[in-house]
Amino acid sequence: MNKLVEIRSQEYMCRERAALDSERKVFWLAQAEEWEQRALDEIAFHFRECNLNEADSQSAVR
């Protein structure tokens, strides 16, 4: 989950830059959106991994 914290930090920094850099606001918001999508992908990966581990554990019990 440390990776998720780093990704969210990058997203936050891009949003801060967008607020401070009016000339490149659109660029920074687009960057933030990319980081947000990476965070969502990381969360989805984590849950898929957890579900696979749980399914493997249940198969071993049977």
PDB file of N, CA and C in Angstrom:
ATOM      1  N   MET A   1       0.815  -1.198   0.000  1.00  0.00           N
ATOM      2  CA  MET A   1       0.000   0.000   0.000  1.00  0.00           C
ATOM      3  C   MET A   1       0.861   1.265   0.000  1.00  0.00           C
ATOM      4  N   ASN A   2       2.153   1.099   0.263  1.00  0.00           N
ATOM      5  CA  ASN A   2       3.044   2.263   0.175  1.00  0.00           C
ATOM      6  C   ASN A   2       3.032   2.851  -1.222  1.00  0.00           C
ATOM      7  N   LYS A   3       2.904   1.971  -2.211  1.00  0.00           N
ATOM      8  CA  LYS A   3       2.866   2.431  -3.600  1.00  0.00           C
ATOM      9  C   LYS A   3       1.650   3.334  -3.819  1.00  0.00           C
ATOM     10  N   LEU A   4       0.527   2.968  -3.234  1.00  0.00           N
ATOM     11  CA  LEU A   4      -0.688   3.780  -3.363  1.00  0.00           C
ATOM     12  C   LEU A   4      -0.484   5.156  -2.733  1.00  0.00           C
ATOM     13  N   VAL A   5       0.179   5.195  -1.610  1.00  0.00           N
ATOM     14  CA  VAL A   5       0.454   6.482  -0.953  1.00  0.00           C
ATOM     15  C   VAL A   5       1.309   7.361  -1.859  1.00  0.00           C
ATOM     16  N   GLU A   6       2.310   6.776  -2.486  1.00  0.00           N
ATOM     17  CA  GLU A   6       3.178   7.531  -3.395  1.00  0.00           C
ATOM     18  C   GLU A   6       2.395   8.041  -4.604  1.00  0.00           C
ATOM     19  N   ILE A   7       1.535   7.199  -5.145  1.00  0.00           N
ATOM     20  CA  ILE A   7       0.737   7.587  -6.313  1.00  0.00           C
ATOM     21  C   ILE A   7      -0.205   8.735  -5.945  1.00  0.00           C
ATOM     22  N   ARG A   8      -0.887   8.607  -4.818  1.00  0.00           N
ATOM     23  CA  ARG A   8      -1.806   9.671  -4.384  1.00  0.00           C
ATOM     24  C   ARG A   8      -1.036  10.970  -4.102  1.00  0.00           C
ATOM     25  N   SER A   9       0.175  10.851  -3.615  1.00  0.00           N
ATOM     26  CA  SER A   9       1.007  12.029  -3.370  1.00  0.00           C
ATOM     27  C   SER A   9       1.318  12.750  -4.684  1.00  0.00           C
ATOM     28  N   GLN A  10       1.637  11.986  -5.714  1.00  0.00           N
ATOM     29  CA  GLN A  10       1.901  12.573  -7.030  1.00  0.00           C
ATOM     30  C   GLN A  10       0.644  13.269  -7.572  1.00  0.00           C
ATOM     31  N   GLU A  11      -0.492  12.616  -7.393  1.00  0.00           N
ATOM     32  CA  GLU A  11      -1.754  13.214  -7.835  1.00  0.00           C
ATOM     33  C   GLU A  11      -1.988  14.550  -7.119  1.00  0.00           C
ATOM     34  N   TYR A  12      -1.780  14.557  -5.814  1.00  0.00           N
ATOM     35  CA  TYR A  12      -1.973  15.768  -5.020  1.00  0.00           C
ATOM     36  C   TYR A  12      -1.043  16.888  -5.491  1.00  0.00           C
ATOM     37  N   MET A  13       0.216  16.544  -5.737  1.00  0.00           N
ATOM     38  CA  MET A  13       1.182  17.561  -6.174  1.00  0.00           C
ATOM     39  C   MET A  13       0.766  18.163  -7.515  1.00  0.00           C
ATOM     40  N   CYS A  14       0.256  17.330  -8.408  1.00  0.00           N
ATOM     41  CA  CYS A  14      -0.205  17.839  -9.699  1.00  0.00           C
ATOM     42  C   CYS A  14      -1.394  18.777  -9.528  1.00  0.00           C
ATOM     43  N   ARG A  15      -2.293  18.436  -8.635  1.00  0.00           N
ATOM     44  CA  ARG A  15      -3.451  19.301  -8.387  1.00  0.00           C
ATOM     45  C   ARG A  15      -3.019  20.625  -7.747  1.00  0.00           C
ATOM     46  N   GLU A  16      -2.028  20.572  -6.888  1.00  0.00           N
ATOM     47  CA  GLU A  16      -1.486  21.793  -6.296  1.00  0.00           C
ATOM     48  C   GLU A  16      -0.847  22.668  -7.371  1.00  0.00           C
ATOM     49  N   ARG A  17      -0.082  22.047  -8.252  1.00  0.00           N
ATOM     50  CA  ARG A  17       0.542  22.806  -9.340  1.00  0.00           C
ATOM     51  C   ARG A  17      -0.516  23.440 -10.220  1.00  0.00           C
ATOM     52  N   ALA A  18      -1.602  22.723 -10.480  1.00  0.00           N
ATOM     53  CA  ALA A  18      -2.693  23.266 -11.303  1.00  0.00           C
ATOM     54  C   ALA A  18      -3.280  24.515 -10.657  1.00  0.00           C
ATOM     55  N   ALA A  19      -3.389  24.478  -9.338  1.00  0.00           N
ATOM     56  CA  ALA A  19      -3.949  25.626  -8.628  1.00  0.00           C
ATOM     57  C   ALA A  19      -3.014  26.837  -8.676  1.00  0.00           C
ATOM     58  N   LEU A  20      -1.717  26.573  -8.753  1.00  0.00           N
ATOM     59  CA  LEU A  20      -0.732  27.654  -8.712  1.00  0.00           C
ATOM     60  C   LEU A  20      -0.265  28.121 -10.084  1.00  0.00           C
ATOM     61  N   ASP A  21      -0.423  27.285 -11.099  1.00  0.00           N
ATOM     62  CA  ASP A  21       0.112  27.592 -12.433  1.00  0.00           C
ATOM     63  C   ASP A  21      -1.050  27.714 -13.419  1.00  0.00           C
ATOM     64  N   SER A  22      -1.630  28.903 -13.475  1.00  0.00           N
ATOM     65  CA  SER A  22      -2.827  29.099 -14.304  1.00  0.00           C
ATOM     66  C   SER A  22      -2.545  28.888 -15.796  1.00  0.00           C
ATOM     67  N   GLU A  23      -1.322  29.167 -16.242  1.00  0.00           N
ATOM     68  CA  GLU A  23      -0.987  28.990 -17.655  1.00  0.00           C
ATOM     69  C   GLU A  23      -0.978  27.527 -18.068  1.00  0.00           C
ATOM     70  N   ARG A  24      -0.627  26.645 -17.143  1.00  0.00           N
ATOM     71  CA  ARG A  24      -0.537  25.218 -17.472  1.00  0.00           C
ATOM     72  C   ARG A  24      -1.516  24.379 -16.651  1.00  0.00           C
ATOM     73  N   LYS A  25      -2.571  25.024 -16.190  1.00  0.00           N
ATOM     74  CA  LYS A  25      -3.550  24.365 -15.342  1.00  0.00           C
ATOM     75  C   LYS A  25      -4.113  23.104 -15.996  1.00  0.00           C
ATOM     76  N   VAL A  26      -4.456  23.198 -17.270  1.00  0.00           N
ATOM     77  CA  VAL A  26      -5.035  22.050 -17.976  1.00  0.00           C
ATOM     78  C   VAL A  26      -4.042  20.883 -18.002  1.00  0.00           C
ATOM     79  N   PHE A  27      -2.780  21.186 -18.252  1.00  0.00           N
ATOM     80  CA  PHE A  27      -1.740  20.144 -18.260  1.00  0.00           C
ATOM     81  C   PHE A  27      -1.662  19.454 -16.911  1.00  0.00           C
ATOM     82  N   TRP A  28      -1.584  20.250 -15.838  1.00  0.00           N
ATOM     83  CA  TRP A  28      -1.430  19.671 -14.508  1.00  0.00           C
ATOM     84  C   TRP A  28      -2.655  18.879 -14.078  1.00  0.00           C
ATOM     85  N   LEU A  29      -3.840  19.332 -14.465  1.00  0.00           N
ATOM     86  CA  LEU A  29      -5.043  18.569 -14.144  1.00  0.00           C
ATOM     87  C   LEU A  29      -5.082  17.250 -14.907  1.00  0.00           C
ATOM     88  N   ALA A  30      -4.607  17.266 -16.144  1.00  0.00           N
ATOM     89  CA  ALA A  30      -4.530  16.019 -16.922  1.00  0.00           C
ATOM     90  C   ALA A  30      -3.541  15.050 -16.271  1.00  0.00           C
ATOM     91  N   GLN A  31      -2.426  15.578 -15.797  1.00  0.00           N
ATOM     92  CA  GLN A  31      -1.453  14.739 -15.091  1.00  0.00           C
ATOM     93  C   GLN A  31      -2.072  14.149 -13.827  1.00  0.00           C
ATOM     94  N   ALA A  32      -2.806  14.958 -13.099  1.00  0.00           N
ATOM     95  CA  ALA A  32      -3.463  14.496 -11.879  1.00  0.00           C
ATOM     96  C   ALA A  32      -4.459  13.381 -12.194  1.00  0.00           C
ATOM     97  N   GLU A  33      -5.176  13.534 -13.295  1.00  0.00           N
ATOM     98  CA  GLU A  33      -6.140  12.492 -13.699  1.00  0.00           C
ATOM     99  C   GLU A  33      -5.419  11.175 -13.997  1.00  0.00           C
ATOM    100  N   GLU A  34      -4.262  11.268 -14.637  1.00  0.00           N
ATOM    101  CA  GLU A  34      -3.482  10.054 -14.911  1.00  0.00           C
ATOM    102  C   GLU A  34      -3.045   9.380 -13.618  1.00  0.00           C
ATOM    103  N   TRP A  35      -2.584  10.169 -12.661  1.00  0.00           N
ATOM    104  CA  TRP A  35      -2.176   9.602 -11.369  1.00  0.00           C
ATOM    105  C   TRP A  35      -3.369   9.014 -10.637  1.00  0.00           C
ATOM    106  N   GLU A  36      -4.531   9.672 -10.751  1.00  0.00           N
ATOM    107  CA  GLU A  36      -5.729   9.144 -10.116  1.00  0.00           C
ATOM    108  C   GLU A  36      -6.089   7.778 -10.704  1.00  0.00           C
ATOM    109  N   GLN A  37      -5.982   7.657 -12.025  1.00  0.00           N
ATOM    110  CA  GLN A  37      -6.284   6.374 -12.665  1.00  0.00           C
ATOM    111  C   GLN A  37      -5.289   5.302 -12.221  1.00  0.00           C
ATOM    112  N   ARG A  38      -4.023   5.675 -12.085  1.00  0.00           N
ATOM    113  CA  ARG A  38      -3.021   4.722 -11.586  1.00  0.00           C
ATOM    114  C   ARG A  38      -3.373   4.252 -10.184  1.00  0.00           C
ATOM    115  N   ALA A  39      -3.860   5.171  -9.357  1.00  0.00           N
ATOM    116  CA  ALA A  39      -4.265   4.804  -7.991  1.00  0.00           C
ATOM    117  C   ALA A  39      -5.425   3.818  -8.036  1.00  0.00           C
ATOM    118  N   LEU A  40      -6.401   4.086  -8.875  1.00  0.00           N
ATOM    119  CA  LEU A  40      -7.544   3.174  -8.994  1.00  0.00           C
ATOM    120  C   LEU A  40      -7.103   1.810  -9.506  1.00  0.00           C
ATOM    121  N   ASP A  41      -6.173   1.796 -10.452  1.00  0.00           N
ATOM    122  CA  ASP A  41      -5.631   0.532 -10.958  1.00  0.00           C
ATOM    123  C   ASP A  41      -4.903  -0.234  -9.857  1.00  0.00           C
ATOM    124  N   GLU A  42      -4.159   0.486  -9.041  1.00  0.00           N
ATOM    125  CA  GLU A  42      -3.422  -0.135  -7.935  1.00  0.00           C
ATOM    126  C   GLU A  42      -4.384  -0.743  -6.914  1.00  0.00           C
ATOM    127  N   ILE A  43      -5.465  -0.030  -6.623  1.00  0.00           N
ATOM    128  CA  ILE A  43      -6.469  -0.542  -5.688  1.00  0.00           C
ATOM    129  C   ILE A  43      -7.116  -1.802  -6.260  1.00  0.00           C
ATOM    130  N   ALA A  44      -7.474  -1.755  -7.538  1.00  0.00           N
ATOM    131  CA  ALA A  44      -8.097  -2.914  -8.180  1.00  0.00           C
ATOM    132  C   ALA A  44      -7.146  -4.108  -8.168  1.00  0.00           C
ATOM    133  N   PHE A  45      -5.873  -3.866  -8.446  1.00  0.00           N
ATOM    134  CA  PHE A  45      -4.879  -4.932  -8.425  1.00  0.00           C
ATOM    135  C   PHE A  45      -4.794  -5.555  -7.035  1.00  0.00           C
ATOM    136  N   HIS A  46      -4.779  -4.715  -6.029  1.00  0.00           N
ATOM    137  CA  HIS A  46      -4.688  -5.194  -4.644  1.00  0.00           C
ATOM    138  C   HIS A  46      -5.881  -6.099  -4.308  1.00  0.00           C
ATOM    139  N   PHE A  47      -7.080  -5.673  -4.682  1.00  0.00           N
ATOM    140  CA  PHE A  47      -8.260  -6.473  -4.366  1.00  0.00           C
ATOM    141  C   PHE A  47      -8.299  -7.768  -5.164  1.00  0.00           C
ATOM    142  N   ARG A  48      -7.872  -7.725  -6.424  1.00  0.00           N
ATOM    143  CA  ARG A  48      -7.797  -8.971  -7.211  1.00  0.00           C
ATOM    144  C   ARG A  48      -6.826  -9.937  -6.560  1.00  0.00           C
ATOM    145  N   GLU A  49      -5.685  -9.424  -6.131  1.00  0.00           N
ATOM    146  CA  GLU A  49      -4.672 -10.250  -5.485  1.00  0.00           C
ATOM    147  C   GLU A  49      -5.214 -10.856  -4.193  1.00  0.00           C
ATOM    148  N   CYS A  50      -5.912 -10.053  -3.401  1.00  0.00           N
ATOM    149  CA  CYS A  50      -6.501 -10.551  -2.149  1.00  0.00           C
ATOM    150  C   CYS A  50      -7.544 -11.620  -2.435  1.00  0.00           C
ATOM    151  N   ASN A  51      -8.373 -11.388  -3.442  1.00  0.00           N
ATOM    152  CA  ASN A  51      -9.411 -12.356  -3.777  1.00  0.00           C
ATOM    153  C   ASN A  51      -8.805 -13.663  -4.287  1.00  0.00           C
ATOM    154  N   LEU A  52      -7.727 -13.587  -5.043  1.00  0.00           N
ATOM    155  CA  LEU A  52      -7.059 -14.797  -5.521  1.00  0.00           C
ATOM    156  C   LEU A  52      -6.475 -15.575  -4.350  1.00  0.00           C
ATOM    157  N   ASN A  53      -5.850 -14.875  -3.421  1.00  0.00           N
ATOM    158  CA  ASN A  53      -5.277 -15.533  -2.241  1.00  0.00           C
ATOM    159  C   ASN A  53      -6.361 -16.186  -1.403  1.00  0.00           C
ATOM    160  N   GLU A  54      -7.503 -15.500  -1.274  1.00  0.00           N
ATOM    161  CA  GLU A  54      -8.612 -16.061  -0.495  1.00  0.00           C
ATOM    162  C   GLU A  54      -9.181 -17.296  -1.190  1.00  0.00           C
ATOM    163  N   ALA A  55      -9.295 -17.245  -2.507  1.00  0.00           N
ATOM    164  CA  ALA A  55      -9.817 -18.380  -3.259  1.00  0.00           C
ATOM    165  C   ALA A  55      -8.862 -19.583  -3.153  1.00  0.00           C
ATOM    166  N   ASP A  56      -7.564 -19.308  -3.200  1.00  0.00           N
ATOM    167  CA  ASP A  56      -6.571 -20.377  -3.046  1.00  0.00           C
ATOM    168  C   ASP A  56      -6.660 -21.000  -1.665  1.00  0.00           C
ATOM    169  N   SER A  57      -6.871 -20.180  -0.645  1.00  0.00           N
ATOM    170  CA  SER A  57      -6.974 -20.682   0.728  1.00  0.00           C
ATOM    171  C   SER A  57      -8.214 -21.546   0.888  1.00  0.00           C
ATOM    172  N   GLN A  58      -9.307 -21.145   0.293  1.00  0.00           N
ATOM    173  CA  GLN A  58     -10.544 -21.916   0.380  1.00  0.00           C
ATOM    174  C   GLN A  58     -10.423 -23.231  -0.398  1.00  0.00           C
ATOM    175  N   SER A  59      -9.712 -23.226  -1.502  1.00  0.00           N
ATOM    176  CA  SER A  59      -9.514 -24.458  -2.283  1.00  0.00           C
ATOM    177  C   SER A  59      -8.647 -25.448  -1.503  1.00  0.00           C
ATOM    178  N   ALA A  60      -7.688 -24.955  -0.767  1.00  0.00           N
ATOM    179  CA  ALA A  60      -6.795 -25.824  -0.005  1.00  0.00           C
ATOM    180  C   ALA A  60      -7.536 -26.480   1.156  1.00  0.00           C
ATOM    181  N   VAL A  61      -8.538 -25.812   1.694  1.00  0.00           N
ATOM    182  CA  VAL A  61      -9.297 -26.340   2.824  1.00  0.00           C
ATOM    183  C   VAL A  61     -10.203 -27.481   2.383  1.00  0.00           C
ATOM    184  N   ARG A  62     -10.706 -27.424   1.183  1.00  0.00           N
ATOM    185  CA  ARG A  62     -11.655 -28.443   0.696  1.00  0.00           C
ATOM    186  C   ARG A  62     -10.981 -29.712   0.392  1.00  0.00           C
TER     187      ARG A  62
END
